Amino acid sequence: MLSGTLGLANPETGEFCIAKEGEALFFRKETWHHGFNLGNEQVRVLEFFAPPPAKGTSGPYARTKPYIEIEQSRYGQSRSIGRWPMDADAQRKARTIHSMRDADLLLSLDRQTQGAYTGLYCATDQLTVGKTTLLSGKRTGMERHKGDECLYLVSGILNIHVPDAESQVWFELNPRDGFRRVSITNIST
């Protein structure tokens, strides 16, 4: 969440989660979801979707599933009433939507410079999403991996060095700027 308070419900199961600024919600394919602005400010969401909708994973896929009428939607899990919190472990295992806060992230420290740390929201066969905190005046070591890479800058100014680029090798990002490199191999900030 970039700003605001988002409520996300799975109308089939009744699961309901809330994400505030700096938090995230994760769900996999075949998860119906209804979103709600639960605050007084605009909700700004940074969404990652894999495989991409261009491959028919969104609208065309959804049209193959039965539509859930609003009257049939569930926005709570009443079956846990009378068994809460004793039922918490079973509910956690059955979740289709996962709230992700800083304490839930898979953390790593930049081993080359110790100038940045990254927390992963998810790392699946289709998508890896995380957030990196770069300490003031520090840099990261060179990162090498296959696949595309996207960055979104929340605050500060970020200089990116892509030594393998065919033309421009330095890029500057300001807050709310995005950056994408296809089939990236080397990058540092």
Protein backbone atom coordinates (compact mmCIF):
# COMPACT_ATOMS: atom_id res chain seq x y z
CA MET A 1 0.00 0.00 0.00
CA LEU A 2 1.36 3.36 -1.01
CA SER A 3 -1.29 5.31 0.88
CA GLY A 4 -4.67 4.88 2.51
CA THR A 5 -6.32 1.85 4.08
CA LEU A 6 -7.48 -0.99 1.84
CA GLY A 7 -9.85 -3.72 2.92
CA LEU A 8 -9.74 -6.84 0.76
CA ALA A 9 -12.30 -9.61 0.99
CA ASN A 10 -12.61 -13.04 -0.60
CA PRO A 11 -16.39 -13.17 -1.11
CA GLU A 12 -16.32 -16.98 -1.43
CA THR A 13 -14.65 -17.70 1.92
CA GLY A 14 -15.51 -14.59 3.91
CA GLU A 15 -11.86 -13.78 4.55
CA PHE A 16 -11.33 -10.08 5.15
CA CYS A 17 -7.93 -8.38 5.51
CA ILE A 18 -6.78 -4.81 5.97
CA ALA A 19 -3.59 -3.22 4.65
CA LYS A 20 -2.36 0.22 5.63
CA GLU A 21 0.44 2.29 4.14
CA GLY A 22 3.64 0.22 3.90
CA GLU A 23 1.82 -3.10 4.24
CA ALA A 24 0.79 -5.60 1.58
CA LEU A 25 -1.77 -8.25 0.76
CA PHE A 26 -0.79 -11.39 -1.15
CA PHE A 27 -3.05 -13.86 -2.90
CA ARG A 28 -2.61 -16.43 -5.63
CA LYS A 29 -4.63 -17.33 -8.69
CA GLU A 30 -8.23 -18.42 -8.38
CA THR A 31 -8.88 -16.02 -5.51
CA TRP A 32 -11.90 -13.79 -5.90
CA HIS A 33 -11.34 -10.46 -4.22
CA HIS A 34 -13.34 -7.33 -3.54
CA GLY A 35 -11.50 -4.17 -2.46
CA PHE A 36 -12.77 -1.33 -0.25
CA ASN A 37 -11.38 2.06 0.75
CA LEU A 38 -11.65 2.00 4.56
CA GLY A 39 -10.26 5.45 5.25
CA ASN A 40 -10.76 9.12 4.50
CA GLU A 41 -7.89 9.45 2.04
CA GLN A 42 -7.32 8.11 -1.44
CA VAL A 43 -6.10 4.51 -1.61
CA ARG A 44 -2.98 4.11 -3.77
CA VAL A 45 -1.99 0.52 -4.50
CA LEU A 46 1.13 -0.76 -6.21
CA GLU A 47 0.00 -4.03 -7.77
CA PHE A 48 2.15 -6.87 -9.09
CA PHE A 49 0.52 -9.51 -11.25
CA ALA A 50 2.14 -12.62 -12.73
CA PRO A 51 1.77 -14.05 -15.24
CA PRO A 52 0.70 -10.72 -16.77
CA PRO A 53 -2.92 -10.06 -17.80
CA ALA A 54 -1.78 -9.93 -21.44
CA LYS A 55 -1.44 -13.73 -21.20
CA GLY A 56 -5.16 -14.08 -20.41
CA THR A 57 -4.72 -14.50 -16.67
CA SER A 58 -7.18 -11.78 -15.62
CA GLY A 59 -10.35 -10.88 -17.54
CA PRO A 60 -10.50 -13.91 -19.86
CA TYR A 61 -9.82 -16.25 -16.93
CA ALA A 62 -12.41 -14.54 -14.71
CA ARG A 63 -15.06 -14.95 -17.40
CA THR A 64 -14.67 -18.75 -17.10
CA LYS A 65 -15.68 -18.65 -13.42
CA PRO A 66 -19.17 -18.21 -11.97
CA TYR A 67 -19.92 -14.62 -11.00
CA ILE A 68 -20.58 -14.02 -7.32
CA GLU A 69 -23.53 -11.67 -6.87
CA ILE A 70 -23.07 -9.01 -4.19
CA GLU A 71 -25.97 -10.51 -2.23
CA GLN A 72 -24.07 -13.84 -2.07
CA SER A 73 -20.74 -12.28 -1.06
CA ARG A 74 -19.38 -13.06 2.39
CA TYR A 75 -17.34 -10.42 4.23
CA GLY A 76 -16.66 -12.20 7.50
CA GLN A 77 -16.03 -15.70 8.85
CA SER A 78 -18.93 -16.36 11.15
CA ARG A 79 -18.05 -20.07 11.34
CA SER A 80 -15.18 -19.10 13.69
CA ILE A 81 -17.48 -17.39 16.19
CA GLY A 82 -17.49 -19.46 19.33
CA ARG A 83 -14.10 -20.97 18.41
CA TRP A 84 -11.89 -17.87 18.31
CA PRO A 85 -8.93 -17.63 18.95
CA MET A 86 -8.73 -21.42 19.45
CA ASP A 87 -9.48 -21.82 15.71
CA ALA A 88 -6.69 -19.39 14.64
CA ASP A 89 -4.18 -22.03 13.43
CA ALA A 90 -6.74 -23.75 11.21
CA GLN A 91 -7.87 -20.41 9.80
CA ARG A 92 -4.27 -19.36 9.10
CA LYS A 93 -3.61 -22.57 7.15
CA ALA A 94 -6.77 -22.15 5.04
CA ARG A 95 -6.18 -18.48 4.11
CA THR A 96 -6.28 -17.39 0.50
CA ILE A 97 -5.32 -13.76 1.27
CA HIS A 98 -2.24 -13.08 3.39
CA SER A 99 -1.56 -9.80 5.21
CA MET A 100 2.12 -8.89 4.95
CA ARG A 101 3.65 -6.50 7.47
CA ASP A 102 7.34 -5.77 8.09
CA ALA A 103 7.56 -8.54 10.71
CA ASP A 104 6.29 -11.08 8.13
CA LEU A 105 8.90 -10.38 5.44
CA LEU A 106 11.78 -12.67 4.52
CA LEU A 107 14.76 -10.39 5.26
CA SER A 108 18.27 -10.20 3.81
CA LEU A 109 21.18 -7.78 4.14
CA ASP A 110 23.26 -6.64 1.16
CA ARG A 111 26.30 -8.79 1.81
CA GLN A 112 28.69 -6.66 -0.27
CA THR A 113 28.07 -3.25 1.33
CA GLN A 114 25.73 -3.78 4.31
CA GLY A 115 24.18 -0.53 3.03
CA ALA A 116 20.74 -1.93 2.22
CA TYR A 117 18.33 -4.58 3.37
CA THR A 118 15.47 -6.23 1.52
CA GLY A 119 12.28 -7.81 2.77
CA LEU A 120 10.44 -10.18 0.43
CA TYR A 121 6.65 -10.12 0.38
CA CYS A 122 6.59 -13.17 -1.87
CA ALA A 123 8.97 -15.37 -3.83
CA THR A 124 7.08 -17.82 -6.03
CA ASP A 125 7.75 -19.62 -9.31
CA GLN A 126 6.04 -16.71 -11.10
CA LEU A 127 6.98 -13.57 -9.16
CA THR A 128 9.30 -12.18 -6.51
CA VAL A 129 8.26 -8.92 -4.80
CA GLY A 130 10.06 -7.12 -2.03
CA LYS A 131 11.00 -3.76 -0.68
CA THR A 132 14.54 -2.54 -0.24
CA THR A 133 15.63 0.08 2.24
CA LEU A 134 18.81 1.83 1.14
CA LEU A 135 20.55 3.59 4.03
CA SER A 136 21.37 7.26 3.55
CA GLY A 137 24.65 7.81 1.71
CA LYS A 138 25.07 4.07 1.03
CA ARG A 139 24.96 1.94 -2.07
CA THR A 140 24.27 -1.67 -2.91
CA GLY A 141 26.58 -4.21 -4.41
CA MET A 142 26.04 -5.47 -7.95
CA GLU A 143 22.98 -7.68 -8.20
CA ARG A 144 22.83 -10.40 -10.83
CA HIS A 145 19.76 -12.37 -11.84
CA LYS A 146 17.68 -13.46 -14.79
CA GLY A 147 14.33 -12.01 -15.72
CA ASP A 148 12.75 -8.59 -15.69
CA GLU A 149 13.11 -6.12 -12.83
CA CYS A 150 10.81 -3.28 -11.81
CA LEU A 151 11.46 -0.63 -9.18
CA TYR A 152 9.18 2.00 -7.68
CA LEU A 153 10.71 4.74 -5.55
CA VAL A 154 8.71 5.77 -2.48
CA SER A 155 11.02 8.48 -1.13
CA GLY A 156 14.40 10.10 -1.70
CA ILE A 157 16.46 10.10 -4.88
CA LEU A 158 17.87 6.87 -6.28
CA ASN A 159 20.64 6.49 -8.86
CA ILE A 160 20.69 3.16 -10.68
CA HIS A 161 23.71 1.79 -12.52
CA VAL A 162 23.07 -0.82 -15.23
CA PRO A 163 26.52 -1.53 -16.71
CA ASP A 164 25.21 -4.06 -19.25
CA ALA A 165 22.72 -1.61 -20.80
CA GLU A 166 23.07 -1.10 -24.54
CA SER A 167 22.82 2.69 -24.28
CA GLN A 168 22.21 4.67 -21.09
CA VAL A 169 23.85 3.06 -18.03
CA TRP A 170 22.86 5.54 -15.26
CA PHE A 171 19.28 6.37 -14.29
CA GLU A 172 17.92 8.73 -11.62
CA LEU A 173 14.60 8.09 -9.90
CA ASN A 174 12.58 10.52 -7.82
CA PRO A 175 9.59 9.73 -5.58
CA ARG A 176 6.76 8.01 -7.50
CA ASP A 177 9.08 7.16 -10.40
CA GLY A 178 9.09 3.65 -11.77
CA PHE A 179 11.88 1.79 -13.55
CA ARG A 180 11.78 -1.41 -15.62
CA ARG A 181 14.52 -3.37 -17.29
CA VAL A 182 13.77 -6.45 -19.36
CA SER A 183 15.97 -9.53 -18.89
CA ILE A 184 18.28 -7.72 -16.54
CA THR A 185 21.61 -9.28 -15.62
CA ASN A 186 23.53 -6.67 -13.56
CA ILE A 187 22.26 -3.73 -11.51
CA SER A 188 23.40 -1.66 -8.53
CA THR A 189 22.07 1.40 -6.70
